[in-house]
Amino acid sequence: ADAAQEIQALLEQLDKSYDINTNTGKMALTLEAMEHIENNPTLAKRILSALATGSVKAFEQFLNHPAASFVVGALEDWEKTKGHPIT
């Protein structure tokens, strides 16, 4: 829940810079969010741990943001490319 709250706050901060009413804006926001996560190893580890112990859908339900599904999809892909698929 803590990791989801931190992502929620990040999304709310970033949506001031992007038009979240368009897919292009949601994707741009997602790219910046992922860059923030990748550059913060502690946050990245907490997110991956939360996704591994819970479920992707449960994590997504914690996020109340129009770009949540984009971000969760990016996190899933990111985890798979690291060789540890989320189950």
N, C-alpha and C. Protein backbone atom coordinates (compact mmCIF):
# COMPACT_ATOMS: atom_id res chain seq x y z
N ALA A 1 0.83 -1.20 0.00
CA ALA A 1 0.00 0.00 0.00
C ALA A 1 0.86 1.25 0.00
N ASP A 2 2.00 1.21 0.72
CA ASP A 2 2.88 2.38 0.74
C ASP A 2 3.44 2.70 -0.64
N ALA A 3 3.84 1.66 -1.35
CA ALA A 3 4.38 1.87 -2.70
C ALA A 3 3.30 2.43 -3.61
N ALA A 4 2.09 1.91 -3.50
CA ALA A 4 0.98 2.41 -4.33
C ALA A 4 0.68 3.87 -3.99
N GLN A 5 0.73 4.22 -2.72
CA GLN A 5 0.49 5.61 -2.31
C GLN A 5 1.55 6.54 -2.88
N GLU A 6 2.79 6.06 -2.89
CA GLU A 6 3.85 6.89 -3.45
C GLU A 6 3.68 7.07 -4.96
N ILE A 7 3.28 6.02 -5.64
CA ILE A 7 3.03 6.12 -7.08
C ILE A 7 1.83 7.04 -7.33
N GLN A 8 0.80 6.91 -6.51
CA GLN A 8 -0.38 7.78 -6.63
C GLN A 8 0.04 9.25 -6.52
N ALA A 9 0.84 9.57 -5.53
CA ALA A 9 1.31 10.94 -5.35
C ALA A 9 2.14 11.40 -6.55
N LEU A 10 2.98 10.51 -7.06
CA LEU A 10 3.79 10.85 -8.24
C LEU A 10 2.89 11.13 -9.44
N LEU A 11 1.89 10.29 -9.65
CA LEU A 11 0.97 10.50 -10.78
C LEU A 11 0.24 11.83 -10.65
N GLU A 12 -0.20 12.15 -9.45
CA GLU A 12 -0.91 13.41 -9.23
C GLU A 12 0.01 14.60 -9.48
N GLN A 13 1.27 14.46 -9.12
CA GLN A 13 2.24 15.53 -9.38
C GLN A 13 2.47 15.68 -10.88
N LEU A 14 2.64 14.56 -11.57
CA LEU A 14 2.95 14.60 -13.00
C LEU A 14 1.75 15.03 -13.85
N ASP A 15 0.52 14.78 -13.37
CA ASP A 15 -0.61 15.12 -14.23
C ASP A 15 -0.79 16.63 -14.40
N LYS A 16 -0.03 17.41 -13.65
CA LYS A 16 -0.03 18.87 -13.84
C LYS A 16 0.77 19.25 -15.08
N SER A 17 1.61 18.33 -15.54
CA SER A 17 2.47 18.61 -16.70
C SER A 17 1.99 17.96 -17.99
N TYR A 18 1.00 17.07 -17.89
CA TYR A 18 0.55 16.32 -19.07
C TYR A 18 -0.97 16.36 -19.18
N ASP A 19 -1.46 16.28 -20.41
CA ASP A 19 -2.89 16.21 -20.66
C ASP A 19 -3.34 14.76 -20.48
N ILE A 20 -3.87 14.46 -19.32
CA ILE A 20 -4.25 13.08 -19.01
C ILE A 20 -5.59 12.69 -19.63
N ASN A 21 -6.14 13.59 -20.44
CA ASN A 21 -7.38 13.27 -21.15
C ASN A 21 -7.10 12.65 -22.51
N THR A 22 -5.82 12.49 -22.84
CA THR A 22 -5.46 11.87 -24.11
C THR A 22 -4.53 10.69 -23.83
N ASN A 23 -4.55 9.72 -24.73
CA ASN A 23 -3.63 8.59 -24.59
C ASN A 23 -2.18 9.03 -24.69
N THR A 24 -1.91 10.01 -25.55
CA THR A 24 -0.55 10.52 -25.70
C THR A 24 -0.06 11.12 -24.39
N GLY A 25 -0.92 11.89 -23.74
CA GLY A 25 -0.56 12.48 -22.45
C GLY A 25 -0.34 11.42 -21.39
N LYS A 26 -1.20 10.41 -21.38
CA LYS A 26 -1.06 9.32 -20.41
C LYS A 26 0.25 8.56 -20.63
N MET A 27 0.59 8.34 -21.90
CA MET A 27 1.85 7.63 -22.20
C MET A 27 3.06 8.47 -21.80
N ALA A 28 3.01 9.77 -22.07
CA ALA A 28 4.12 10.64 -21.69
C ALA A 28 4.27 10.68 -20.17
N LEU A 29 3.17 10.76 -19.46
CA LEU A 29 3.20 10.73 -18.00
C LEU A 29 3.79 9.41 -17.51
N THR A 30 3.38 8.31 -18.14
CA THR A 30 3.88 6.99 -17.77
C THR A 30 5.39 6.90 -17.98
N LEU A 31 5.88 7.41 -19.10
CA LEU A 31 7.32 7.39 -19.35
C LEU A 31 8.08 8.15 -18.27
N GLU A 32 7.58 9.31 -17.88
CA GLU A 32 8.26 10.07 -16.84
C GLU A 32 8.17 9.37 -15.49
N ALA A 33 7.02 8.77 -15.20
CA ALA A 33 6.87 8.02 -13.94
C ALA A 33 7.84 6.85 -13.90
N MET A 34 7.96 6.12 -15.00
CA MET A 34 8.88 4.99 -15.05
C MET A 34 10.33 5.45 -14.90
N GLU A 35 10.67 6.57 -15.50
CA GLU A 35 12.02 7.10 -15.35
C GLU A 35 12.29 7.42 -13.88
N HIS A 36 11.32 8.01 -13.22
CA HIS A 36 11.45 8.32 -11.79
C HIS A 36 11.65 7.04 -10.98
N ILE A 37 10.86 6.02 -11.28
CA ILE A 37 10.96 4.74 -10.57
C ILE A 37 12.31 4.08 -10.81
N GLU A 38 12.74 4.04 -12.06
CA GLU A 38 14.01 3.40 -12.39
C GLU A 38 15.20 4.11 -11.75
N ASN A 39 15.08 5.42 -11.54
CA ASN A 39 16.16 6.18 -10.94
C ASN A 39 16.10 6.20 -9.42
N ASN A 40 15.13 5.50 -8.86
CA ASN A 40 14.97 5.42 -7.41
C ASN A 40 14.93 3.94 -7.03
N PRO A 41 16.10 3.31 -6.84
CA PRO A 41 16.15 1.87 -6.58
C PRO A 41 15.33 1.41 -5.38
N THR A 42 15.26 2.22 -4.35
CA THR A 42 14.48 1.85 -3.17
C THR A 42 13.01 1.77 -3.52
N LEU A 43 12.50 2.76 -4.21
CA LEU A 43 11.10 2.75 -4.64
C LEU A 43 10.85 1.59 -5.59
N ALA A 44 11.76 1.39 -6.54
CA ALA A 44 11.60 0.30 -7.51
C ALA A 44 11.49 -1.04 -6.79
N LYS A 45 12.34 -1.26 -5.83
CA LYS A 45 12.33 -2.53 -5.09
C LYS A 45 11.02 -2.69 -4.33
N ARG A 46 10.53 -1.62 -3.71
CA ARG A 46 9.26 -1.70 -2.97
C ARG A 46 8.09 -1.97 -3.91
N ILE A 47 8.09 -1.35 -5.08
CA ILE A 47 7.02 -1.58 -6.04
C ILE A 47 7.04 -3.02 -6.53
N LEU A 48 8.21 -3.50 -6.91
CA LEU A 48 8.31 -4.87 -7.41
C LEU A 48 7.93 -5.87 -6.33
N SER A 49 8.31 -5.60 -5.10
CA SER A 49 7.94 -6.47 -4.00
C SER A 49 6.42 -6.47 -3.80
N ALA A 50 5.82 -5.29 -3.86
CA ALA A 50 4.37 -5.19 -3.69
C ALA A 50 3.64 -5.93 -4.81
N LEU A 51 4.14 -5.80 -6.02
CA LEU A 51 3.51 -6.50 -7.14
C LEU A 51 3.67 -8.01 -7.03
N ALA A 52 4.82 -8.44 -6.53
CA ALA A 52 5.07 -9.88 -6.41
C ALA A 52 4.26 -10.51 -5.28
N THR A 53 4.07 -9.80 -4.18
CA THR A 53 3.35 -10.38 -3.05
C THR A 53 1.84 -10.24 -3.19
N GLY A 54 1.40 -9.25 -3.92
CA GLY A 54 -0.03 -9.07 -4.15
C GLY A 54 -0.35 -9.52 -5.55
N SER A 55 -1.11 -8.73 -6.21
CA SER A 55 -1.37 -8.99 -7.61
C SER A 55 -1.36 -7.66 -8.34
N VAL A 56 -1.16 -7.74 -9.63
CA VAL A 56 -1.14 -6.53 -10.44
C VAL A 56 -2.47 -5.80 -10.33
N LYS A 57 -3.55 -6.55 -10.40
CA LYS A 57 -4.88 -5.93 -10.33
C LYS A 57 -5.10 -5.25 -8.98
N ALA A 58 -4.65 -5.88 -7.90
CA ALA A 58 -4.80 -5.27 -6.58
C ALA A 58 -4.01 -3.97 -6.50
N PHE A 59 -2.80 -3.99 -7.04
CA PHE A 59 -1.97 -2.78 -7.05
C PHE A 59 -2.66 -1.69 -7.85
N GLU A 60 -3.19 -2.07 -9.00
CA GLU A 60 -3.86 -1.10 -9.86
C GLU A 60 -5.08 -0.49 -9.17
N GLN A 61 -5.78 -1.28 -8.36
CA GLN A 61 -6.96 -0.77 -7.66
C GLN A 61 -6.60 0.28 -6.62
N PHE A 62 -5.37 0.23 -6.09
CA PHE A 62 -4.93 1.25 -5.14
C PHE A 62 -4.74 2.60 -5.83
N LEU A 63 -4.46 2.55 -7.12
CA LEU A 63 -4.20 3.78 -7.87
C LEU A 63 -5.51 4.34 -8.41
N ASN A 64 -5.77 5.58 -8.09
CA ASN A 64 -6.97 6.25 -8.56
C ASN A 64 -6.52 7.38 -9.48
N HIS A 65 -6.20 6.99 -10.70
CA HIS A 65 -5.67 7.97 -11.66
C HIS A 65 -5.97 7.49 -13.07
N PRO A 66 -6.29 8.40 -13.98
CA PRO A 66 -6.59 7.99 -15.36
C PRO A 66 -5.47 7.24 -16.06
N ALA A 67 -4.23 7.45 -15.65
CA ALA A 67 -3.09 6.78 -16.29
C ALA A 67 -2.66 5.53 -15.55
N ALA A 68 -3.40 5.11 -14.54
CA ALA A 68 -2.99 3.96 -13.72
C ALA A 68 -2.77 2.71 -14.55
N SER A 69 -3.67 2.40 -15.47
CA SER A 69 -3.51 1.17 -16.26
C SER A 69 -2.26 1.25 -17.15
N PHE A 70 -1.93 2.44 -17.63
CA PHE A 70 -0.72 2.62 -18.43
C PHE A 70 0.51 2.34 -17.57
N VAL A 71 0.53 2.90 -16.38
CA VAL A 71 1.68 2.75 -15.48
C VAL A 71 1.82 1.29 -15.04
N VAL A 72 0.73 0.66 -14.68
CA VAL A 72 0.79 -0.74 -14.24
C VAL A 72 1.27 -1.62 -15.40
N GLY A 73 0.79 -1.36 -16.61
CA GLY A 73 1.26 -2.12 -17.77
C GLY A 73 2.75 -1.94 -17.98
N ALA A 74 3.23 -0.71 -17.81
CA ALA A 74 4.67 -0.46 -17.95
C ALA A 74 5.45 -1.17 -16.86
N LEU A 75 4.91 -1.18 -15.64
CA LEU A 75 5.58 -1.88 -14.55
C LEU A 75 5.64 -3.39 -14.81
N GLU A 76 4.56 -3.94 -15.34
CA GLU A 76 4.55 -5.37 -15.68
C GLU A 76 5.62 -5.69 -16.70
N ASP A 77 5.68 -4.88 -17.76
CA ASP A 77 6.68 -5.10 -18.80
C ASP A 77 8.09 -4.93 -18.25
N TRP A 78 8.28 -3.93 -17.43
CA TRP A 78 9.57 -3.66 -16.82
C TRP A 78 10.02 -4.85 -16.00
N GLU A 79 9.12 -5.40 -15.20
CA GLU A 79 9.45 -6.55 -14.37
C GLU A 79 9.82 -7.76 -15.24
N LYS A 80 9.07 -7.98 -16.31
CA LYS A 80 9.36 -9.11 -17.20
C LYS A 80 10.72 -8.97 -17.87
N THR A 81 11.10 -7.76 -18.23
CA THR A 81 12.40 -7.57 -18.89
C THR A 81 13.55 -7.76 -17.92
N LYS A 82 13.27 -7.68 -16.64
CA LYS A 82 14.29 -7.92 -15.64
C LYS A 82 14.45 -9.41 -15.35
N GLY A 83 13.58 -10.23 -15.95
CA GLY A 83 13.70 -11.67 -15.80
C GLY A 83 12.97 -12.26 -14.63
N HIS A 84 12.13 -11.47 -13.99
CA HIS A 84 11.36 -11.95 -12.85
C HIS A 84 9.90 -11.61 -13.06
N PRO A 85 9.18 -12.37 -13.89
CA PRO A 85 7.80 -12.03 -14.19
C PRO A 85 6.94 -11.98 -12.93
N ILE A 86 6.02 -11.05 -12.93
CA ILE A 86 5.06 -10.93 -11.83
C ILE A 86 4.07 -12.04 -11.96
N THR A 87 3.76 -12.70 -10.86
CA THR A 87 2.78 -13.77 -10.87
C THR A 87 1.54 -13.36 -10.16
